[in-house]
């Protein structure tokens, strides 16, 4: 797993938590649920992109999508998603 450098604010938050000076808010369960919902909605959003493929690769992609019975854009998205999940899993 790759680690990222924390900025000043993030470093202060980590130090506060490690010292035990962190207190939960009174309505923690509600806030946690709300932020969980925000994160899910953010991850569900899709954006359009342009990808340049060779004619041969595009034809193969379309043929494979047809075999699966789904649109080639959906098939392409599925391939990218699976690849990224495998890479993240390590």
Protein backbone atom coordinates (compact mmCIF):
# COMPACT_ATOMS: atom_id res chain seq x y z
CA UNK A 1 0.00 0.00 0.00
CA UNK A 2 1.29 3.46 -0.82
CA UNK A 3 1.29 6.10 1.88
CA UNK A 4 0.87 9.79 1.26
CA UNK A 5 2.48 12.68 3.06
CA UNK A 6 0.13 14.40 5.49
CA UNK A 7 -0.32 18.15 5.43
CA UNK A 8 -0.05 20.27 8.59
CA UNK A 9 -3.73 19.98 9.53
CA UNK A 10 -3.77 16.21 9.00
CA UNK A 11 -0.61 15.82 11.08
CA UNK A 12 -2.21 17.80 13.92
CA UNK A 13 -5.34 15.62 13.79
CA UNK A 14 -3.28 12.42 13.97
CA UNK A 15 -1.25 13.80 16.90
CA UNK A 16 -4.44 14.76 18.76
CA UNK A 17 -5.91 11.29 18.27
CA UNK A 18 -2.69 9.55 19.32
CA UNK A 19 -2.52 11.66 22.52
CA UNK A 20 -6.07 10.62 23.40
CA UNK A 21 -7.34 14.20 23.24
CA UNK A 22 -9.98 13.33 20.69
CA UNK A 23 -13.63 13.27 21.81
CA UNK A 24 -16.61 12.01 19.88
CA UNK A 25 -19.44 14.37 19.17
CA UNK A 26 -22.77 13.68 20.86
CA UNK A 27 -24.60 12.63 17.71
CA UNK A 28 -21.73 10.55 16.33
CA UNK A 29 -23.94 7.78 14.88
CA UNK A 30 -26.03 10.26 12.88
CA UNK A 31 -22.99 12.15 11.63
CA UNK A 32 -21.20 8.93 10.70
CA UNK A 33 -24.24 7.77 8.76
CA UNK A 34 -24.51 11.11 6.95
CA UNK A 35 -20.83 11.15 5.93
CA UNK A 36 -21.03 7.50 4.88
CA UNK A 37 -23.91 8.46 2.61
CA UNK A 38 -21.93 11.42 1.21
CA UNK A 39 -18.99 9.14 0.42
CA UNK A 40 -21.19 6.54 -1.27
CA UNK A 41 -22.82 9.20 -3.44
CA UNK A 42 -19.44 10.65 -4.40
CA UNK A 43 -18.16 7.22 -5.44
CA UNK A 44 -21.27 6.49 -7.50
CA UNK A 45 -20.86 9.57 -9.67
CA UNK A 46 -19.61 8.91 -13.16
CA UNK A 47 -17.74 11.18 -15.52
CA UNK A 48 -17.38 10.97 -19.24
CA UNK A 49 -13.90 10.57 -20.69
CA UNK A 50 -12.46 10.24 -24.16
CA UNK A 51 -10.18 7.29 -24.83
CA UNK A 52 -8.26 6.73 -28.03
CA UNK A 53 -8.04 3.08 -29.10
CA UNK A 54 -6.76 1.51 -32.25
CA UNK A 55 -9.49 0.44 -34.66
CA UNK A 56 -8.56 -3.20 -34.07
CA UNK A 57 -8.79 -2.90 -30.27
CA UNK A 58 -12.16 -1.16 -30.54
CA UNK A 59 -13.51 -3.90 -32.81
CA UNK A 60 -12.29 -6.59 -30.37
CA UNK A 61 -13.84 -4.68 -27.47
CA UNK A 62 -17.18 -4.41 -29.27
CA UNK A 63 -17.11 -8.11 -30.20
CA UNK A 64 -16.37 -9.16 -26.62
CA UNK A 65 -19.12 -6.88 -25.31
CA UNK A 66 -21.54 -8.39 -27.81
CA UNK A 67 -20.64 -11.87 -26.54
CA UNK A 68 -21.44 -10.68 -23.00
CA UNK A 69 -24.67 -9.11 -24.23
CA UNK A 70 -23.87 -5.62 -22.94
CA UNK A 71 -23.00 -2.28 -24.56
CA UNK A 72 -19.30 -1.88 -25.29
CA UNK A 73 -19.05 1.25 -23.08
CA UNK A 74 -20.40 -0.74 -20.13
CA UNK A 75 -18.03 -3.59 -20.92
CA UNK A 76 -15.07 -1.19 -21.08
CA UNK A 77 -16.07 0.37 -17.74
CA UNK A 78 -16.28 -3.11 -16.23
CA UNK A 79 -12.79 -4.01 -17.47
CA UNK A 80 -11.29 -0.82 -16.02
CA UNK A 81 -13.12 -1.30 -12.71
CA UNK A 82 -11.95 -4.91 -12.34
CA UNK A 83 -8.37 -3.97 -13.20
CA UNK A 84 -8.30 -1.16 -10.65
CA UNK A 85 -9.80 -3.37 -7.91
CA UNK A 86 -7.16 -6.05 -8.57
CA UNK A 87 -4.35 -3.47 -8.46
CA UNK A 88 -5.69 -1.99 -5.22
CA UNK A 89 -5.88 -5.44 -3.64
CA UNK A 90 -2.21 -5.88 -4.43
